[in-house]
Amino acid sequence: MSVEDHLRRAEELLAKLEATRDELERLAGDEPDAERAVEVLQELAELAKQVEQELARARRESEE
């Protein structure tokens, strides 16, 4: 994949991360569902990890 492809993928993941964060905020405003909140936090952590991986791949590609 090219640097642009990795950056595009990172942007897509960031959009998902933002939507997931919004869901967490909605959960906090509604009747709290602790189990779902934990699931959403786990999703956020995984998405953040994927964004970091894509950015690292883009960085490596740009250095080659």
PDB file of N, CA and C in Angstrom:
ATOM      1  N   MET A   1       0.835  -1.180   0.000  1.00  0.00           N
ATOM      2  CA  MET A   1       0.000   0.000   0.000  1.00  0.00           C
ATOM      3  C   MET A   1       0.882   1.246   0.000  1.00  0.00           C
ATOM      4  N   SER A   2       0.366   2.284  -0.574  1.00  0.00           N
ATOM      5  CA  SER A   2       1.120   3.536  -0.626  1.00  0.00           C
ATOM      6  C   SER A   2       0.889   4.326   0.667  1.00  0.00           C
ATOM      7  N   VAL A   3       1.691   5.363   0.837  1.00  0.00           N
ATOM      8  CA  VAL A   3       1.547   6.250   1.991  1.00  0.00           C
ATOM      9  C   VAL A   3       0.133   6.828   2.013  1.00  0.00           C
ATOM     10  N   GLU A   4      -0.349   7.243   0.844  1.00  0.00           N
ATOM     11  CA  GLU A   4      -1.686   7.822   0.754  1.00  0.00           C
ATOM     12  C   GLU A   4      -2.754   6.824   1.178  1.00  0.00           C
ATOM     13  N   ASP A   5      -2.583   5.565   0.787  1.00  0.00           N
ATOM     14  CA  ASP A   5      -3.536   4.523   1.179  1.00  0.00           C
ATOM     15  C   ASP A   5      -3.561   4.342   2.696  1.00  0.00           C
ATOM     16  N   HIS A   6      -2.395   4.327   3.302  1.00  0.00           N
ATOM     17  CA  HIS A   6      -2.323   4.181   4.757  1.00  0.00           C
ATOM     18  C   HIS A   6      -2.950   5.384   5.455  1.00  0.00           C
ATOM     19  N   LEU A   7      -2.704   6.567   4.941  1.00  0.00           N
ATOM     20  CA  LEU A   7      -3.284   7.769   5.537  1.00  0.00           C
ATOM     21  C   LEU A   7      -4.800   7.793   5.358  1.00  0.00           C
ATOM     22  N   ARG A   8      -5.265   7.358   4.207  1.00  0.00           N
ATOM     23  CA  ARG A   8      -6.707   7.293   3.957  1.00  0.00           C
ATOM     24  C   ARG A   8      -7.356   6.305   4.932  1.00  0.00           C
ATOM     25  N   ARG A   9      -6.713   5.170   5.124  1.00  0.00           N
ATOM     26  CA  ARG A   9      -7.227   4.157   6.060  1.00  0.00           C
ATOM     27  C   ARG A   9      -7.238   4.719   7.483  1.00  0.00           C
ATOM     28  N   ALA A  10      -6.189   5.442   7.851  1.00  0.00           N
ATOM     29  CA  ALA A  10      -6.133   6.044   9.186  1.00  0.00           C
ATOM     30  C   ALA A  10      -7.273   7.047   9.357  1.00  0.00           C
ATOM     31  N   GLU A  11      -7.570   7.818   8.325  1.00  0.00           N
ATOM     32  CA  GLU A  11      -8.680   8.775   8.391  1.00  0.00           C
ATOM     33  C   GLU A  11     -10.014   8.061   8.549  1.00  0.00           C
ATOM     34  N   GLU A  12     -10.194   6.950   7.852  1.00  0.00           N
ATOM     35  CA  GLU A  12     -11.426   6.164   7.992  1.00  0.00           C
ATOM     36  C   GLU A  12     -11.564   5.643   9.421  1.00  0.00           C
ATOM     37  N   LEU A  13     -10.466   5.150   9.958  1.00  0.00           N
ATOM     38  CA  LEU A  13     -10.485   4.639  11.328  1.00  0.00           C
ATOM     39  C   LEU A  13     -10.758   5.759  12.327  1.00  0.00           C
ATOM     40  N   LEU A  14     -10.205   6.936  12.069  1.00  0.00           N
ATOM     41  CA  LEU A  14     -10.465   8.071  12.958  1.00  0.00           C
ATOM     42  C   LEU A  14     -11.945   8.453  12.939  1.00  0.00           C
ATOM     43  N   ALA A  15     -12.574   8.363  11.777  1.00  0.00           N
ATOM     44  CA  ALA A  15     -14.009   8.654  11.688  1.00  0.00           C
ATOM     45  C   ALA A  15     -14.805   7.639  12.506  1.00  0.00           C
ATOM     46  N   LYS A  16     -14.410   6.370  12.435  1.00  0.00           N
ATOM     47  CA  LYS A  16     -15.070   5.345  13.246  1.00  0.00           C
ATOM     48  C   LYS A  16     -14.831   5.590  14.726  1.00  0.00           C
ATOM     49  N   LEU A  17     -13.619   6.005  15.051  1.00  0.00           N
ATOM     50  CA  LEU A  17     -13.288   6.305  16.439  1.00  0.00           C
ATOM     51  C   LEU A  17     -14.172   7.436  16.959  1.00  0.00           C
ATOM     52  N   GLU A  18     -14.354   8.463  16.157  1.00  0.00           N
ATOM     53  CA  GLU A  18     -15.191   9.597  16.545  1.00  0.00           C
ATOM     54  C   GLU A  18     -16.642   9.156  16.753  1.00  0.00           C
ATOM     55  N   ALA A  19     -17.156   8.330  15.852  1.00  0.00           N
ATOM     56  CA  ALA A  19     -18.530   7.841  15.983  1.00  0.00           C
ATOM     57  C   ALA A  19     -18.679   6.991  17.244  1.00  0.00           C
ATOM     58  N   THR A  20     -17.678   6.198  17.538  1.00  0.00           N
ATOM     59  CA  THR A  20     -17.714   5.358  18.733  1.00  0.00           C
ATOM     60  C   THR A  20     -17.642   6.215  19.990  1.00  0.00           C
ATOM     61  N   ARG A  21     -16.840   7.250  19.953  1.00  0.00           N
ATOM     62  CA  ARG A  21     -16.750   8.175  21.091  1.00  0.00           C
ATOM     63  C   ARG A  21     -18.096   8.867  21.308  1.00  0.00           C
ATOM     64  N   ASP A  22     -18.752   9.239  20.218  1.00  0.00           N
ATOM     65  CA  ASP A  22     -20.083   9.838  20.318  1.00  0.00           C
ATOM     66  C   ASP A  22     -21.072   8.868  20.968  1.00  0.00           C
ATOM     67  N   GLU A  23     -20.955   7.598  20.609  1.00  0.00           N
ATOM     68  CA  GLU A  23     -21.825   6.587  21.223  1.00  0.00           C
ATOM     69  C   GLU A  23     -21.588   6.516  22.733  1.00  0.00           C
ATOM     70  N   LEU A  24     -20.328   6.587  23.121  1.00  0.00           N
ATOM     71  CA  LEU A  24     -20.007   6.558  24.545  1.00  0.00           C
ATOM     72  C   LEU A  24     -20.619   7.763  25.260  1.00  0.00           C
ATOM     73  N   GLU A  25     -20.557   8.913  24.635  1.00  0.00           N
ATOM     74  CA  GLU A  25     -21.169  10.108  25.223  1.00  0.00           C
ATOM     75  C   GLU A  25     -22.682   9.948  25.351  1.00  0.00           C
ATOM     76  N   ARG A  26     -23.312   9.350  24.340  1.00  0.00           N
ATOM     77  CA  ARG A  26     -24.759   9.108  24.420  1.00  0.00           C
ATOM     78  C   ARG A  26     -25.077   8.150  25.569  1.00  0.00           C
ATOM     79  N   LEU A  27     -24.251   7.131  25.724  1.00  0.00           N
ATOM     80  CA  LEU A  27     -24.454   6.180  26.816  1.00  0.00           C
ATOM     81  C   LEU A  27     -24.364   6.877  28.169  1.00  0.00           C
ATOM     82  N   ALA A  28     -23.463   7.815  28.283  1.00  0.00           N
ATOM     83  CA  ALA A  28     -23.295   8.539  29.543  1.00  0.00           C
ATOM     84  C   ALA A  28     -24.514   9.403  29.835  1.00  0.00           C
ATOM     85  N   GLY A  29     -25.173   9.902  28.782  1.00  0.00           N
ATOM     86  CA  GLY A  29     -26.334  10.763  28.967  1.00  0.00           C
ATOM     87  C   GLY A  29     -27.613   9.993  29.210  1.00  0.00           C
ATOM     88  N   ASP A  30     -27.681   8.788  28.678  1.00  0.00           N
ATOM     89  CA  ASP A  30     -28.863   7.959  28.878  1.00  0.00           C
ATOM     90  C   ASP A  30     -28.772   7.255  30.220  1.00  0.00           C
ATOM     91  N   GLU A  31     -29.692   6.329  30.410  1.00  0.00           N
ATOM     92  CA  GLU A  31     -29.606   5.479  31.597  1.00  0.00           C
ATOM     93  C   GLU A  31     -28.327   4.654  31.457  1.00  0.00           C
ATOM     94  N   PRO A  32     -27.387   4.834  32.366  1.00  0.00           N
ATOM     95  CA  PRO A  32     -26.080   4.185  32.221  1.00  0.00           C
ATOM     96  C   PRO A  32     -26.174   2.660  32.063  1.00  0.00           C
ATOM     97  N   ASP A  33     -25.437   2.171  31.089  1.00  0.00           N
ATOM     98  CA  ASP A  33     -25.304   0.736  30.837  1.00  0.00           C
ATOM     99  C   ASP A  33     -23.812   0.432  30.923  1.00  0.00           C
ATOM    100  N   ALA A  34     -23.375   0.063  32.109  1.00  0.00           N
ATOM    101  CA  ALA A  34     -21.947  -0.121  32.369  1.00  0.00           C
ATOM    102  C   ALA A  34     -21.334  -1.175  31.453  1.00  0.00           C
ATOM    103  N   GLU A  35     -22.054  -2.248  31.199  1.00  0.00           N
ATOM    104  CA  GLU A  35     -21.514  -3.315  30.355  1.00  0.00           C
ATOM    105  C   GLU A  35     -21.270  -2.810  28.934  1.00  0.00           C
ATOM    106  N   ARG A  36     -22.238  -2.079  28.386  1.00  0.00           N
ATOM    107  CA  ARG A  36     -22.069  -1.538  27.030  1.00  0.00           C
ATOM    108  C   ARG A  36     -20.973  -0.478  27.011  1.00  0.00           C
ATOM    109  N   ALA A  37     -20.882   0.319  28.063  1.00  0.00           N
ATOM    110  CA  ALA A  37     -19.836   1.340  28.131  1.00  0.00           C
ATOM    111  C   ALA A  37     -18.453   0.701  28.084  1.00  0.00           C
ATOM    112  N   VAL A  38     -18.285  -0.412  28.770  1.00  0.00           N
ATOM    113  CA  VAL A  38     -16.995  -1.123  28.747  1.00  0.00           C
ATOM    114  C   VAL A  38     -16.709  -1.632  27.338  1.00  0.00           C
ATOM    115  N   GLU A  39     -17.737  -2.162  26.669  1.00  0.00           N
ATOM    116  CA  GLU A  39     -17.561  -2.641  25.294  1.00  0.00           C
ATOM    117  C   GLU A  39     -17.131  -1.498  24.376  1.00  0.00           C
ATOM    118  N   VAL A  40     -17.762  -0.350  24.537  1.00  0.00           N
ATOM    119  CA  VAL A  40     -17.434   0.803  23.696  1.00  0.00           C
ATOM    120  C   VAL A  40     -16.010   1.271  23.984  1.00  0.00           C
ATOM    121  N   LEU A  41     -15.615   1.276  25.241  1.00  0.00           N
ATOM    122  CA  LEU A  41     -14.236   1.655  25.582  1.00  0.00           C
ATOM    123  C   LEU A  41     -13.237   0.689  24.955  1.00  0.00           C
ATOM    124  N   GLN A  42     -13.563  -0.582  24.930  1.00  0.00           N
ATOM    125  CA  GLN A  42     -12.683  -1.566  24.293  1.00  0.00           C
ATOM    126  C   GLN A  42     -12.601  -1.311  22.787  1.00  0.00           C
ATOM    127  N   GLU A  43     -13.737  -0.963  22.185  1.00  0.00           N
ATOM    128  CA  GLU A  43     -13.739  -0.625  20.754  1.00  0.00           C
ATOM    129  C   GLU A  43     -12.868   0.600  20.494  1.00  0.00           C
ATOM    130  N   LEU A  44     -12.987   1.600  21.357  1.00  0.00           N
ATOM    131  CA  LEU A  44     -12.159   2.807  21.210  1.00  0.00           C
ATOM    132  C   LEU A  44     -10.676   2.468  21.285  1.00  0.00           C
ATOM    133  N   ALA A  45     -10.312   1.636  22.231  1.00  0.00           N
ATOM    134  CA  ALA A  45      -8.904   1.248  22.381  1.00  0.00           C
ATOM    135  C   ALA A  45      -8.403   0.519  21.144  1.00  0.00           C
ATOM    136  N   GLU A  46      -9.223  -0.376  20.598  1.00  0.00           N
ATOM    137  CA  GLU A  46      -8.823  -1.126  19.414  1.00  0.00           C
ATOM    138  C   GLU A  46      -8.700  -0.202  18.195  1.00  0.00           C
ATOM    139  N   LEU A  47      -9.643   0.699  18.030  1.00  0.00           N
ATOM    140  CA  LEU A  47      -9.574   1.645  16.911  1.00  0.00           C
ATOM    141  C   LEU A  47      -8.347   2.546  17.020  1.00  0.00           C
ATOM    142  N   ALA A  48      -8.064   3.022  18.226  1.00  0.00           N
ATOM    143  CA  ALA A  48      -6.879   3.864  18.419  1.00  0.00           C
ATOM    144  C   ALA A  48      -5.612   3.088  18.067  1.00  0.00           C
ATOM    145  N   LYS A  49      -5.568   1.833  18.440  1.00  0.00           N
ATOM    146  CA  LYS A  49      -4.418   0.980  18.118  1.00  0.00           C
ATOM    147  C   LYS A  49      -4.273   0.823  16.600  1.00  0.00           C
ATOM    148  N   GLN A  50      -5.391   0.627  15.909  1.00  0.00           N
ATOM    149  CA  GLN A  50      -5.354   0.474  14.460  1.00  0.00           C
ATOM    150  C   GLN A  50      -4.904   1.760  13.773  1.00  0.00           C
ATOM    151  N   VAL A  51      -5.360   2.906  14.267  1.00  0.00           N
ATOM    152  CA  VAL A  51      -4.925   4.187  13.714  1.00  0.00           C
ATOM    153  C   VAL A  51      -3.414   4.323  13.874  1.00  0.00           C
ATOM    154  N   GLU A  52      -2.926   4.015  15.060  1.00  0.00           N
ATOM    155  CA  GLU A  52      -1.489   4.111  15.318  1.00  0.00           C
ATOM    156  C   GLU A  52      -0.701   3.202  14.376  1.00  0.00           C
ATOM    157  N   GLN A  53      -1.203   1.996  14.134  1.00  0.00           N
ATOM    158  CA  GLN A  53      -0.531   1.059  13.228  1.00  0.00           C
ATOM    159  C   GLN A  53      -0.501   1.594  11.800  1.00  0.00           C
ATOM    160  N   GLU A  54      -1.608   2.155  11.342  1.00  0.00           N
ATOM    161  CA  GLU A  54      -1.653   2.708   9.982  1.00  0.00           C
ATOM    162  C   GLU A  54      -0.689   3.880   9.834  1.00  0.00           C
ATOM    163  N   LEU A  55      -0.638   4.730  10.844  1.00  0.00           N
ATOM    164  CA  LEU A  55       0.289   5.864  10.780  1.00  0.00           C
ATOM    165  C   LEU A  55       1.735   5.386  10.786  1.00  0.00           C
ATOM    166  N   ALA A  56       2.024   4.348  11.546  1.00  0.00           N
ATOM    167  CA  ALA A  56       3.380   3.784  11.565  1.00  0.00           C
ATOM    168  C   ALA A  56       3.725   3.206  10.195  1.00  0.00           C
ATOM    169  N   ARG A  57       2.764   2.533   9.579  1.00  0.00           N
ATOM    170  CA  ARG A  57       2.992   1.978   8.232  1.00  0.00           C
ATOM    171  C   ARG A  57       3.244   3.098   7.226  1.00  0.00           C
ATOM    172  N   ALA A  58       2.461   4.160   7.322  1.00  0.00           N
ATOM    173  CA  ALA A  58       2.653   5.298   6.421  1.00  0.00           C
ATOM    174  C   ALA A  58       4.026   5.901   6.614  1.00  0.00           C
ATOM    175  N   ARG A  59       4.447   6.019   7.863  1.00  0.00           N
ATOM    176  CA  ARG A  59       5.773   6.585   8.161  1.00  0.00           C
ATOM    177  C   ARG A  59       6.867   5.707   7.555  1.00  0.00           C
ATOM    178  N   ARG A  60       6.730   4.388   7.715  1.00  0.00           N
ATOM    179  CA  ARG A  60       7.740   3.482   7.147  1.00  0.00           C
ATOM    180  C   ARG A  60       7.767   3.576   5.632  1.00  0.00           C
ATOM    181  N   GLU A  61       6.598   3.612   5.015  1.00  0.00           N
ATOM    182  CA  GLU A  61       6.525   3.729   3.556  1.00  0.00           C
ATOM    183  C   GLU A  61       7.192   5.011   3.058  1.00  0.00           C
ATOM    184  N   SER A  62       6.998   6.097   3.797  1.00  0.00           N
ATOM    185  CA  SER A  62       7.563   7.382   3.364  1.00  0.00           C
ATOM    186  C   SER A  62       9.073   7.405   3.500  1.00  0.00           C
ATOM    187  N   GLU A  63       9.606   6.576   4.377  1.00  0.00           N
ATOM    188  CA  GLU A  63      11.055   6.546   4.591  1.00  0.00           C
ATOM    189  C   GLU A  63      11.762   5.670   3.576  1.00  0.00           C
ATOM    190  N   GLU A  64      11.020   4.844   2.862  1.00  0.00           N
ATOM    191  CA  GLU A  64      11.641   3.946   1.872  1.00  0.00           C
ATOM    192  C   GLU A  64      11.889   4.626   0.553  1.00  0.00           C
TER     193      GLU A  64
END
